[in-house]
C-alpha atoms as a PDB file:
ATOM      1  CA  UNK A   1       7.567 -32.495  -3.979  1.00  0.00           C
ATOM      2  CA  UNK A   2      10.820 -30.932  -2.784  1.00  0.00           C
ATOM      3  CA  UNK A   3       8.877 -29.002  -0.135  1.00  0.00           C
ATOM      4  CA  UNK A   4       7.211 -32.197   1.094  1.00  0.00           C
ATOM      5  CA  UNK A   5      10.639 -33.800   1.394  1.00  0.00           C
ATOM      6  CA  UNK A   6      11.896 -30.999   3.595  1.00  0.00           C
ATOM      7  CA  UNK A   7       8.816 -31.249   5.809  1.00  0.00           C
ATOM      8  CA  UNK A   8       9.305 -35.025   6.158  1.00  0.00           C
ATOM      9  CA  UNK A   9      12.952 -34.546   7.152  1.00  0.00           C
ATOM     10  CA  UNK A  10      11.834 -31.960   9.683  1.00  0.00           C
ATOM     11  CA  UNK A  11       9.312 -34.501  11.054  1.00  0.00           C
ATOM     12  CA  UNK A  12      12.127 -36.991  11.544  1.00  0.00           C
ATOM     13  CA  UNK A  13      14.156 -34.328  13.303  1.00  0.00           C
ATOM     14  CA  UNK A  14      11.298 -33.677  15.766  1.00  0.00           C
ATOM     15  CA  UNK A  15      11.398 -37.304  16.934  1.00  0.00           C
ATOM     16  CA  UNK A  16      15.099 -37.061  17.767  1.00  0.00           C
ATOM     17  CA  UNK A  17      16.098 -36.247  21.332  1.00  0.00           C
ATOM     18  CA  UNK A  18      18.100 -33.157  22.282  1.00  0.00           C
ATOM     19  CA  UNK A  19      19.083 -30.205  20.158  1.00  0.00           C
ATOM     20  CA  UNK A  20      15.826 -28.356  20.928  1.00  0.00           C
ATOM     21  CA  UNK A  21      17.293 -24.958  20.029  1.00  0.00           C
ATOM     22  CA  UNK A  22      18.486 -26.305  16.701  1.00  0.00           C
ATOM     23  CA  UNK A  23      15.050 -27.774  15.971  1.00  0.00           C
ATOM     24  CA  UNK A  24      13.363 -24.448  16.690  1.00  0.00           C
ATOM     25  CA  UNK A  25      15.864 -22.547  14.542  1.00  0.00           C
ATOM     26  CA  UNK A  26      15.460 -24.941  11.632  1.00  0.00           C
ATOM     27  CA  UNK A  27      11.683 -24.804  11.950  1.00  0.00           C
ATOM     28  CA  UNK A  28      11.695 -21.005  12.025  1.00  0.00           C
ATOM     29  CA  UNK A  29      13.905 -20.908   8.952  1.00  0.00           C
ATOM     30  CA  UNK A  30      11.617 -23.275   7.052  1.00  0.00           C
ATOM     31  CA  UNK A  31       8.484 -21.294   7.966  1.00  0.00           C
ATOM     32  CA  UNK A  32      10.129 -18.085   6.813  1.00  0.00           C
ATOM     33  CA  UNK A  33      11.409 -19.643   3.581  1.00  0.00           C
ATOM     34  CA  UNK A  34       8.101 -21.245   2.604  1.00  0.00           C
ATOM     35  CA  UNK A  35       6.116 -18.118   3.442  1.00  0.00           C
ATOM     36  CA  UNK A  36       8.384 -15.902   1.347  1.00  0.00           C
ATOM     37  CA  UNK A  37       8.094 -18.350  -1.549  1.00  0.00           C
ATOM     38  CA  UNK A  38       4.291 -18.224  -1.335  1.00  0.00           C
ATOM     39  CA  UNK A  39       4.050 -21.824  -0.134  1.00  0.00           C
ATOM     40  CA  UNK A  40       2.010 -21.029   2.939  1.00  0.00           C
ATOM     41  CA  UNK A  41       0.626 -24.580   3.256  1.00  0.00           C
ATOM     42  CA  UNK A  42       4.083 -26.034   3.859  1.00  0.00           C
ATOM     43  CA  UNK A  43       4.814 -23.179   6.268  1.00  0.00           C
ATOM     44  CA  UNK A  44       1.696 -24.173   8.219  1.00  0.00           C
ATOM     45  CA  UNK A  45       2.771 -27.822   8.187  1.00  0.00           C
ATOM     46  CA  UNK A  46       6.177 -27.027   9.666  1.00  0.00           C
ATOM     47  CA  UNK A  47       4.635 -24.742  12.285  1.00  0.00           C
ATOM     48  CA  UNK A  48       2.132 -27.429  13.269  1.00  0.00           C
ATOM     49  CA  UNK A  49       4.874 -30.047  13.637  1.00  0.00           C
ATOM     50  CA  UNK A  50       7.026 -27.918  15.920  1.00  0.00           C
ATOM     51  CA  UNK A  51       6.957 -29.238  19.485  1.00  0.00           C
ATOM     52  CA  UNK A  52       8.588 -26.089  20.829  1.00  0.00           C
ATOM     53  CA  UNK A  53       7.797 -22.638  19.437  1.00  0.00           C
ATOM     54  CA  UNK A  54       9.415 -19.354  20.370  1.00  0.00           C
ATOM     55  CA  UNK A  55       8.431 -15.760  19.593  1.00  0.00           C
ATOM     56  CA  UNK A  56      10.251 -15.930  16.256  1.00  0.00           C
ATOM     57  CA  UNK A  57       8.151 -18.963  15.281  1.00  0.00           C
ATOM     58  CA  UNK A  58       4.919 -17.092  15.924  1.00  0.00           C
ATOM     59  CA  UNK A  59       6.189 -13.900  14.285  1.00  0.00           C
ATOM     60  CA  UNK A  60       7.222 -15.819  11.163  1.00  0.00           C
ATOM     61  CA  UNK A  61       3.892 -17.631  10.944  1.00  0.00           C
ATOM     62  CA  UNK A  62       1.713 -14.545  11.529  1.00  0.00           C
ATOM     63  CA  UNK A  63       3.782 -12.466   9.114  1.00  0.00           C
ATOM     64  CA  UNK A  64       3.705 -15.236   6.504  1.00  0.00           C
ATOM     65  CA  UNK A  65      -0.063 -15.547   6.732  1.00  0.00           C
ATOM     66  CA  UNK A  66      -0.501 -11.795   6.341  1.00  0.00           C
ATOM     67  CA  UNK A  67       1.904 -11.607   3.392  1.00  0.00           C
ATOM     68  CA  UNK A  68       0.089 -14.474   1.678  1.00  0.00           C
ATOM     69  CA  UNK A  69      -3.307 -12.789   2.181  1.00  0.00           C
ATOM     70  CA  UNK A  70      -4.536 -15.301   4.748  1.00  0.00           C
ATOM     71  CA  UNK A  71      -5.716 -12.406   6.888  1.00  0.00           C
ATOM     72  CA  UNK A  72      -8.256 -14.197   9.082  1.00  0.00           C
ATOM     73  CA  UNK A  73      -5.750 -16.942   9.882  1.00  0.00           C
ATOM     74  CA  UNK A  74      -3.118 -14.314  10.739  1.00  0.00           C
ATOM     75  CA  UNK A  75      -5.509 -12.784  13.278  1.00  0.00           C
ATOM     76  CA  UNK A  76      -6.373 -16.227  14.690  1.00  0.00           C
ATOM     77  CA  UNK A  77      -2.674 -17.109  15.018  1.00  0.00           C
ATOM     78  CA  UNK A  78      -2.010 -13.829  16.812  1.00  0.00           C
ATOM     79  CA  UNK A  79      -4.794 -14.604  19.301  1.00  0.00           C
ATOM     80  CA  UNK A  80      -3.403 -18.113  19.799  1.00  0.00           C
ATOM     81  CA  UNK A  81       0.027 -16.688  20.493  1.00  0.00           C
ATOM     82  CA  UNK A  82      -1.419 -14.361  23.127  1.00  0.00           C
ATOM     83  CA  UNK A  83      -3.269 -17.273  24.755  1.00  0.00           C
ATOM     84  CA  UNK A  84       0.030 -19.192  24.925  1.00  0.00           C
ATOM     85  CA  UNK A  85       1.356 -16.477  27.228  1.00  0.00           C
ATOM     86  CA  UNK A  86       3.883 -14.926  24.849  1.00  0.00           C
ATOM     87  CA  UNK A  87       4.095 -11.137  24.745  1.00  0.00           C
ATOM     88  CA  UNK A  88       3.869  -9.880  21.153  1.00  0.00           C
ATOM     89  CA  UNK A  89       6.749  -8.054  19.544  1.00  0.00           C
ATOM     90  CA  UNK A  90       6.518  -5.130  17.150  1.00  0.00           C
ATOM     91  CA  UNK A  91       6.770  -7.619  14.241  1.00  0.00           C
ATOM     92  CA  UNK A  92       3.669  -9.546  15.351  1.00  0.00           C
ATOM     93  CA  UNK A  93       1.762  -6.320  15.955  1.00  0.00           C
ATOM     94  CA  UNK A  94       2.617  -4.963  12.495  1.00  0.00           C
ATOM     95  CA  UNK A  95       1.396  -8.159  10.824  1.00  0.00           C
ATOM     96  CA  UNK A  96      -1.877  -8.439  12.728  1.00  0.00           C
ATOM     97  CA  UNK A  97      -2.660  -4.720  12.248  1.00  0.00           C
ATOM     98  CA  UNK A  98      -1.975  -5.125   8.534  1.00  0.00           C
ATOM     99  CA  UNK A  99      -4.404  -8.064   8.426  1.00  0.00           C
ATOM    100  CA  UNK A 100      -7.018  -6.052  10.338  1.00  0.00           C
ATOM    101  CA  UNK A 101      -6.689  -3.264   7.751  1.00  0.00           C
ATOM    102  CA  UNK A 102      -7.076  -5.728   4.875  1.00  0.00           C
ATOM    103  CA  UNK A 103     -10.173  -7.219   6.522  1.00  0.00           C
ATOM    104  CA  UNK A 104     -11.574  -3.782   7.349  1.00  0.00           C
ATOM    105  CA  UNK A 105     -11.828  -5.012  10.939  1.00  0.00           C
ATOM    106  CA  UNK A 106     -11.520  -1.691  12.731  1.00  0.00           C
ATOM    107  CA  UNK A 107     -12.725  -2.909  16.158  1.00  0.00           C
ATOM    108  CA  UNK A 108     -10.065  -5.602  16.444  1.00  0.00           C
ATOM    109  CA  UNK A 109      -7.509  -3.131  15.075  1.00  0.00           C
ATOM    110  CA  UNK A 110      -8.405  -0.638  17.796  1.00  0.00           C
ATOM    111  CA  UNK A 111      -8.141  -3.350  20.444  1.00  0.00           C
ATOM    112  CA  UNK A 112      -4.713  -4.328  19.131  1.00  0.00           C
ATOM    113  CA  UNK A 113      -3.755  -0.647  19.079  1.00  0.00           C
ATOM    114  CA  UNK A 114      -4.664  -0.399  22.764  1.00  0.00           C
ATOM    115  CA  UNK A 115      -2.587  -3.473  23.534  1.00  0.00           C
ATOM    116  CA  UNK A 116       0.336  -1.948  21.651  1.00  0.00           C
ATOM    117  CA  UNK A 117       0.095   1.228  23.729  1.00  0.00           C
ATOM    118  CA  UNK A 118       0.173  -0.792  26.972  1.00  0.00           C
ATOM    119  CA  UNK A 119       3.302  -2.610  25.776  1.00  0.00           C
ATOM    120  CA  UNK A 120       4.943   0.591  24.526  1.00  0.00           C
ATOM    121  CA  UNK A 121       5.114  -0.817  20.991  1.00  0.00           C
ATOM    122  CA  UNK A 122       3.267   2.154  19.496  1.00  0.00           C
ATOM    123  CA  UNK A 123       6.517   4.133  19.851  1.00  0.00           C
ATOM    124  CA  UNK A 124       8.034   2.011  17.079  1.00  0.00           C
ATOM    125  CA  UNK A 125       7.767   3.980  13.820  1.00  0.00           C
ATOM    126  CA  UNK A 126       6.863   0.875  11.779  1.00  0.00           C
ATOM    127  CA  UNK A 127       4.033   0.003  14.181  1.00  0.00           C
ATOM    128  CA  UNK A 128       2.798   3.604  14.036  1.00  0.00           C
ATOM    129  CA  UNK A 129       2.923   3.544  10.245  1.00  0.00           C
ATOM    130  CA  UNK A 130       0.821   0.374  10.216  1.00  0.00           C
ATOM    131  CA  UNK A 131      -1.668   2.073  12.524  1.00  0.00           C
ATOM    132  CA  UNK A 132      -1.789   5.056  10.156  1.00  0.00           C
ATOM    133  CA  UNK A 133      -2.532   2.665   7.284  1.00  0.00           C
ATOM    134  CA  UNK A 134      -5.213   0.853   9.316  1.00  0.00           C
ATOM    135  CA  UNK A 135      -7.103   4.046  10.085  1.00  0.00           C
ATOM    136  CA  UNK A 136      -6.556   5.498   6.606  1.00  0.00           C
ATOM    137  CA  UNK A 137      -7.812   2.367   4.829  1.00  0.00           C
ATOM    138  CA  UNK A 138     -10.895   2.159   7.049  1.00  0.00           C
ATOM    139  CA  UNK A 139     -11.787   5.829   6.544  1.00  0.00           C
ATOM    140  CA  UNK A 140     -10.919   6.974  10.087  1.00  0.00           C
ATOM    141  CA  UNK A 141      -9.121  10.220   9.209  1.00  0.00           C
ATOM    142  CA  UNK A 142      -9.400  11.708  12.705  1.00  0.00           C
ATOM    143  CA  UNK A 143      -7.806   8.634  14.304  1.00  0.00           C
ATOM    144  CA  UNK A 144      -5.128   8.587  11.609  1.00  0.00           C
ATOM    145  CA  UNK A 145      -4.248  12.214  12.297  1.00  0.00           C
ATOM    146  CA  UNK A 146      -4.242  11.577  16.057  1.00  0.00           C
ATOM    147  CA  UNK A 147      -1.735   8.729  15.715  1.00  0.00           C
ATOM    148  CA  UNK A 148       0.375  10.923  13.445  1.00  0.00           C
ATOM    149  CA  UNK A 149       0.375  13.788  15.945  1.00  0.00           C
ATOM    150  CA  UNK A 150       1.556  11.456  18.720  1.00  0.00           C
ATOM    151  CA  UNK A 151       4.458  10.020  16.727  1.00  0.00           C
ATOM    152  CA  UNK A 152       7.847  10.943  18.182  1.00  0.00           C
ATOM    153  CA  UNK A 153       9.550   9.819  14.986  1.00  0.00           C
ATOM    154  CA  UNK A 154       8.208  10.020  11.422  1.00  0.00           C
ATOM    155  CA  UNK A 155       9.560   8.736   8.142  1.00  0.00           C
ATOM    156  CA  UNK A 156       8.612   9.059   4.471  1.00  0.00           C
ATOM    157  CA  UNK A 157       5.918   6.393   4.836  1.00  0.00           C
ATOM    158  CA  UNK A 158       4.305   8.303   7.721  1.00  0.00           C
ATOM    159  CA  UNK A 159       3.971  11.516   5.723  1.00  0.00           C
ATOM    160  CA  UNK A 160       2.790   9.791   2.546  1.00  0.00           C
ATOM    161  CA  UNK A 161       0.158   7.801   4.440  1.00  0.00           C
ATOM    162  CA  UNK A 162      -1.334  10.892   6.059  1.00  0.00           C
ATOM    163  CA  UNK A 163      -1.379  12.827   2.777  1.00  0.00           C
ATOM    164  CA  UNK A 164      -3.075   9.833   1.138  1.00  0.00           C
ATOM    165  CA  UNK A 165      -5.586   9.574   3.991  1.00  0.00           C
ATOM    166  CA  UNK A 166      -6.529  13.239   3.592  1.00  0.00           C
ATOM    167  CA  UNK A 167      -6.842  12.777  -0.186  1.00  0.00           C
ATOM    168  CA  UNK A 168      -9.071   9.703   0.155  1.00  0.00           C
ATOM    169  CA  UNK A 169     -11.276  11.317   2.796  1.00  0.00           C
ATOM    170  CA  UNK A 170     -12.429  14.105   0.491  1.00  0.00           C
ATOM    171  CA  UNK A 171     -11.150  16.720   2.950  1.00  0.00           C
ATOM    172  CA  UNK A 172     -10.190  20.161   1.705  1.00  0.00           C
ATOM    173  CA  UNK A 173      -7.319  20.422  -0.729  1.00  0.00           C
ATOM    174  CA  UNK A 174      -5.703  23.036   1.494  1.00  0.00           C
ATOM    175  CA  UNK A 175      -5.479  20.474   4.310  1.00  0.00           C
ATOM    176  CA  UNK A 176      -3.564  18.008   2.143  1.00  0.00           C
ATOM    177  CA  UNK A 177      -1.313  20.760   0.795  1.00  0.00           C
ATOM    178  CA  UNK A 178      -0.596  21.949   4.346  1.00  0.00           C
ATOM    179  CA  UNK A 179       0.528  18.421   5.370  1.00  0.00           C
ATOM    180  CA  UNK A 180       2.696  18.306   2.259  1.00  0.00           C
ATOM    181  CA  UNK A 181       4.298  21.678   3.079  1.00  0.00           C
ATOM    182  CA  UNK A 182       4.832  20.556   6.675  1.00  0.00           C
ATOM    183  CA  UNK A 183       6.624  17.474   5.356  1.00  0.00           C
ATOM    184  CA  UNK A 184       8.881  19.669   3.221  1.00  0.00           C
ATOM    185  CA  UNK A 185       9.607  21.968   6.166  1.00  0.00           C
ATOM    186  CA  UNK A 186      10.547  18.897   8.244  1.00  0.00           C
ATOM    187  CA  UNK A 187      13.275  18.153   5.694  1.00  0.00           C
ATOM    188  CA  UNK A 188      11.671  15.289   3.771  1.00  0.00           C
ATOM    189  CA  UNK A 189      11.809  15.183  -0.013  1.00  0.00           C
ATOM    190  CA  UNK A 190       8.650  14.048  -1.797  1.00  0.00           C
ATOM    191  CA  UNK A 191       8.753  10.800  -3.780  1.00  0.00           C
ATOM    192  CA  UNK A 192       6.426   9.221  -6.352  1.00  0.00           C
ATOM    193  CA  UNK A 193       3.897   8.128  -3.703  1.00  0.00           C
ATOM    194  CA  UNK A 194       3.769  11.657  -2.290  1.00  0.00           C
ATOM    195  CA  UNK A 195       2.970  13.128  -5.694  1.00  0.00           C
ATOM    196  CA  UNK A 196       0.402  10.453  -6.576  1.00  0.00           C
ATOM    197  CA  UNK A 197      -1.442  11.156  -3.307  1.00  0.00           C
ATOM    198  CA  UNK A 198      -1.194  14.910  -3.798  1.00  0.00           C
ATOM    199  CA  UNK A 199      -2.475  14.746  -7.372  1.00  0.00           C
ATOM    200  CA  UNK A 200      -5.381  12.583  -6.199  1.00  0.00           C
ATOM    201  CA  UNK A 201      -6.308  15.412  -3.846  1.00  0.00           C
ATOM    202  CA  UNK A 202      -6.376  18.109  -6.530  1.00  0.00           C
ATOM    203  CA  UNK A 203      -7.830  15.938  -9.313  1.00  0.00           C
ATOM    204  CA  UNK A 204     -11.389  16.957  -8.435  1.00  0.00           C
ATOM    205  CA  UNK A 205     -10.578  20.619  -8.986  1.00  0.00           C
ATOM    206  CA  UNK A 206     -10.532  22.526 -12.237  1.00  0.00           C
ATOM    207  CA  UNK A 207      -7.884  24.977 -11.029  1.00  0.00           C
ATOM    208  CA  UNK A 208      -4.646  24.902 -13.011  1.00  0.00           C
ATOM    209  CA  UNK A 209      -2.315  27.002 -10.847  1.00  0.00           C
ATOM    210  CA  UNK A 210      -1.869  24.357  -8.137  1.00  0.00           C
ATOM    211  CA  UNK A 211      -1.515  21.585 -10.727  1.00  0.00           C
ATOM    212  CA  UNK A 212       1.278  23.532 -12.455  1.00  0.00           C
ATOM    213  CA  UNK A 213       3.054  24.022  -9.120  1.00  0.00           C
ATOM    214  CA  UNK A 214       2.892  20.311  -8.333  1.00  0.00           C
ATOM    215  CA  UNK A 215       4.027  19.466 -11.875  1.00  0.00           C
ATOM    216  CA  UNK A 216       7.027  21.776 -11.432  1.00  0.00           C
ATOM    217  CA  UNK A 217       7.996  19.905  -8.269  1.00  0.00           C
ATOM    218  CA  UNK A 218       7.600  16.588 -10.083  1.00  0.00           C
ATOM    219  CA  UNK A 219      10.096  17.808 -12.677  1.00  0.00           C
ATOM    220  CA  UNK A 220      12.411  19.111  -9.957  1.00  0.00           C
ATOM    221  CA  UNK A 221      12.491  15.783  -8.124  1.00  0.00           C
ATOM    222  CA  UNK A 222      12.873  13.846 -11.392  1.00  0.00           C
ATOM    223  CA  UNK A 223       9.893  11.504 -11.057  1.00  0.00           C
ATOM    224  CA  UNK A 224       8.140  12.599 -14.250  1.00  0.00           C
ATOM    225  CA  UNK A 225       8.792   9.338 -16.135  1.00  0.00           C
ATOM    226  CA  UNK A 226       6.444   7.335 -13.952  1.00  0.00           C
ATOM    227  CA  UNK A 227       3.273   5.855 -15.423  1.00  0.00           C
ATOM    228  CA  UNK A 228       1.072   6.467 -12.363  1.00  0.00           C
ATOM    229  CA  UNK A 229       2.203  10.089 -12.017  1.00  0.00           C
ATOM    230  CA  UNK A 230       1.766  10.756 -15.731  1.00  0.00           C
ATOM    231  CA  UNK A 231      -1.738   9.281 -15.652  1.00  0.00           C
ATOM    232  CA  UNK A 232      -2.616  11.438 -12.644  1.00  0.00           C
ATOM    233  CA  UNK A 233      -1.340  14.527 -14.464  1.00  0.00           C
ATOM    234  CA  UNK A 234      -3.427  13.611 -17.525  1.00  0.00           C
ATOM    235  CA  UNK A 235      -6.544  13.442 -15.327  1.00  0.00           C
ATOM    236  CA  UNK A 236      -5.761  16.745 -13.594  1.00  0.00           C
ATOM    237  CA  UNK A 237      -4.945  18.699 -16.732  1.00  0.00           C
ATOM    238  CA  UNK A 238      -7.919  17.196 -18.548  1.00  0.00           C
ATOM    239  CA  UNK A 239     -10.312  18.414 -15.856  1.00  0.00           C
ATOM    240  CA  UNK A 240      -8.737  21.877 -15.853  1.00  0.00           C
ATOM    241  CA  UNK A 241      -9.176  22.187 -19.633  1.00  0.00           C
ATOM    242  CA  UNK A 242      -5.468  22.118 -20.516  1.00  0.00           C
ATOM    243  CA  UNK A 243      -5.513  19.492 -23.231  1.00  0.00           C
ATOM    244  CA  UNK A 244      -2.300  20.801 -24.778  1.00  0.00           C
ATOM    245  CA  UNK A 245      -0.446  19.774 -21.611  1.00  0.00           C
ATOM    246  CA  UNK A 246      -2.241  16.426 -21.715  1.00  0.00           C
ATOM    247  CA  UNK A 247      -1.133  15.855 -25.312  1.00  0.00           C
ATOM    248  CA  UNK A 248       2.448  16.789 -24.478  1.00  0.00           C
ATOM    249  CA  UNK A 249       2.604  14.356 -21.550  1.00  0.00           C
ATOM    250  CA  UNK A 250       0.788  11.659 -23.515  1.00  0.00           C
ATOM    251  CA  UNK A 251       3.197  11.953 -26.454  1.00  0.00           C
ATOM    252  CA  UNK A 252       6.187  11.521 -24.109  1.00  0.00           C
ATOM    253  CA  UNK A 253       4.722   8.437 -22.457  1.00  0.00           C
ATOM    254  CA  UNK A 254       5.163   6.229 -25.522  1.00  0.00           C
ATOM    255  CA  UNK A 255       5.568   2.630 -24.251  1.00  0.00           C
ATOM    256  CA  UNK A 256       4.357   3.607 -20.767  1.00  0.00           C
ATOM    257  CA  UNK A 257       0.808   4.229 -21.995  1.00  0.00           C
ATOM    258  CA  UNK A 258      -1.825   1.903 -20.606  1.00  0.00           C
ATOM    259  CA  UNK A 259      -5.611   1.713 -20.519  1.00  0.00           C
ATOM    260  CA  UNK A 260      -5.780   4.437 -17.864  1.00  0.00           C
ATOM    261  CA  UNK A 261      -3.706   6.755 -20.071  1.00  0.00           C
ATOM    262  CA  UNK A 262      -6.018   6.286 -23.051  1.00  0.00           C
ATOM    263  CA  UNK A 263      -9.156   6.656 -20.960  1.00  0.00           C
ATOM    264  CA  UNK A 264      -7.825   9.813 -19.294  1.00  0.00           C
ATOM    265  CA  UNK A 265      -7.133  11.389 -22.666  1.00  0.00           C
ATOM    266  CA  UNK A 266     -10.548  10.497 -24.057  1.00  0.00           C
ATOM    267  CA  UNK A 267     -12.241  11.710 -20.858  1.00  0.00           C
ATOM    268  CA  UNK A 268     -10.338  14.978 -21.227  1.00  0.00           C
ATOM    269  CA  UNK A 269     -11.509  15.445 -24.812  1.00  0.00           C
ATOM    270  CA  UNK A 270     -15.108  14.661 -23.880  1.00  0.00           C
ATOM    271  CA  UNK A 271     -15.021  16.891 -20.778  1.00  0.00           C
ATOM    272  CA  UNK A 272     -13.690  19.796 -22.852  1.00  0.00           C
ATOM    273  CA  UNK A 273     -16.035  19.037 -25.774  1.00  0.00           C
ATOM    274  CA  UNK A 274     -13.218  18.232 -28.189  1.00  0.00           C
ATOM    275  CA  UNK A 275     -14.020  15.825 -31.063  1.00  0.00           C
ATOM    276  CA  UNK A 276     -12.311  12.578 -30.048  1.00  0.00           C
ATOM    277  CA  UNK A 277     -12.327  11.228 -33.611  1.00  0.00           C
ATOM    278  CA  UNK A 278     -10.534  14.350 -34.771  1.00  0.00           C
ATOM    279  CA  UNK A 279      -7.485  13.350 -32.764  1.00  0.00           C
ATOM    280  CA  UNK A 280      -7.075   9.985 -34.435  1.00  0.00           C
ATOM    281  CA  UNK A 281      -7.633   7.989 -31.294  1.00  0.00           C
ATOM    282  CA  UNK A 282      -9.531   5.090 -32.845  1.00  0.00           C
ATOM    283  CA  UNK A 283      -6.792   4.196 -35.322  1.00  0.00           C
ATOM    284  CA  UNK A 284      -3.840   4.756 -32.980  1.00  0.00           C
ATOM    285  CA  UNK A 285      -5.479   2.943 -30.109  1.00  0.00           C
ATOM    286  CA  UNK A 286      -6.264  -0.082 -32.279  1.00  0.00           C
ATOM    287  CA  UNK A 287      -2.652  -0.136 -33.435  1.00  0.00           C
ATOM    288  CA  UNK A 288      -1.369  -0.273 -29.862  1.00  0.00           C
ATOM    289  CA  UNK A 289      -3.930  -2.869 -28.831  1.00  0.00           C
ATOM    290  CA  UNK A 290      -5.005  -0.973 -25.718  1.00  0.00           C
ATOM    291  CA  UNK A 291      -8.519  -1.557 -24.436  1.00  0.00           C
ATOM    292  CA  UNK A 292     -10.854   1.383 -23.966  1.00  0.00           C
ATOM    293  CA  UNK A 293     -13.487   1.310 -21.259  1.00  0.00           C
ATOM    294  CA  UNK A 294     -17.141   0.847 -22.031  1.00  0.00           C
ATOM    295  CA  UNK A 295     -17.828   4.228 -20.461  1.00  0.00           C
ATOM    296  CA  UNK A 296     -16.011   5.993 -23.227  1.00  0.00           C
ATOM    297  CA  UNK A 297     -17.648   4.046 -26.008  1.00  0.00           C
ATOM    298  CA  UNK A 298     -21.027   4.911 -24.567  1.00  0.00           C
ATOM    299  CA  UNK A 299     -20.169   8.598 -24.441  1.00  0.00           C
ATOM    300  CA  UNK A 300     -18.606   8.691 -27.888  1.00  0.00           C
ATOM    301  CA  UNK A 301     -21.458   6.973 -29.684  1.00  0.00           C
END
């Protein structure tokens, strides 16, 4: 109701003469506020009522639609903005590329990429990072690596995205490790996302040496008390047959344990032909109230 009241007052303001700049600024502020609050319908209403729209108006609307998962509408709004004669900014490009990635619409993403190159917007690190994500999420590793190689400036997101793209593509572990080492040589410190992506790369292997090296770095950079990293370590150690390390990590997790943690432990026991019942999992798991996947029940029965 409060939102409707603000929209009605804005409608009254539109009928007043003069103060066009003020009207546009107020409208832009309302679009941004509603979008950030998840009230995308009121954001649309304000945008539709605006007689005059500037680049900020379009940026706010396109970004709001993307952030509220209205991906098709974000793309449509971007096309409407272009038809109005406005030249897109880096903010509009980031939002529409993000929507293209979410839709898996690689063709439109490539077209937008080409437009960004013509406008020189691909030199912006945030635009480049969004392009990396677009190509990574649509399985275009070669294009992702090409964009990365052309980047004049890279940040933590750039490196993490490429490592993740290599991990998801099923490329060789050595390739992902080489990107990681290159990142370290460039002076960047790995964070939780870096380690999660790196562990995803080595999780298919049964080699323990590399897992121990990554684990040592996790301890060095003090990101060990992270649920996602701990779960990834459980999966890696379980596949390499090091259940003692799994049990040590699992015992430290305590309140951070979730369904993935339990399933990783049980998978490890099954993979290494350990008796699951002998480790008291049924009783402890029931006590914590965590759900165990059907897969594990089928394999334990």
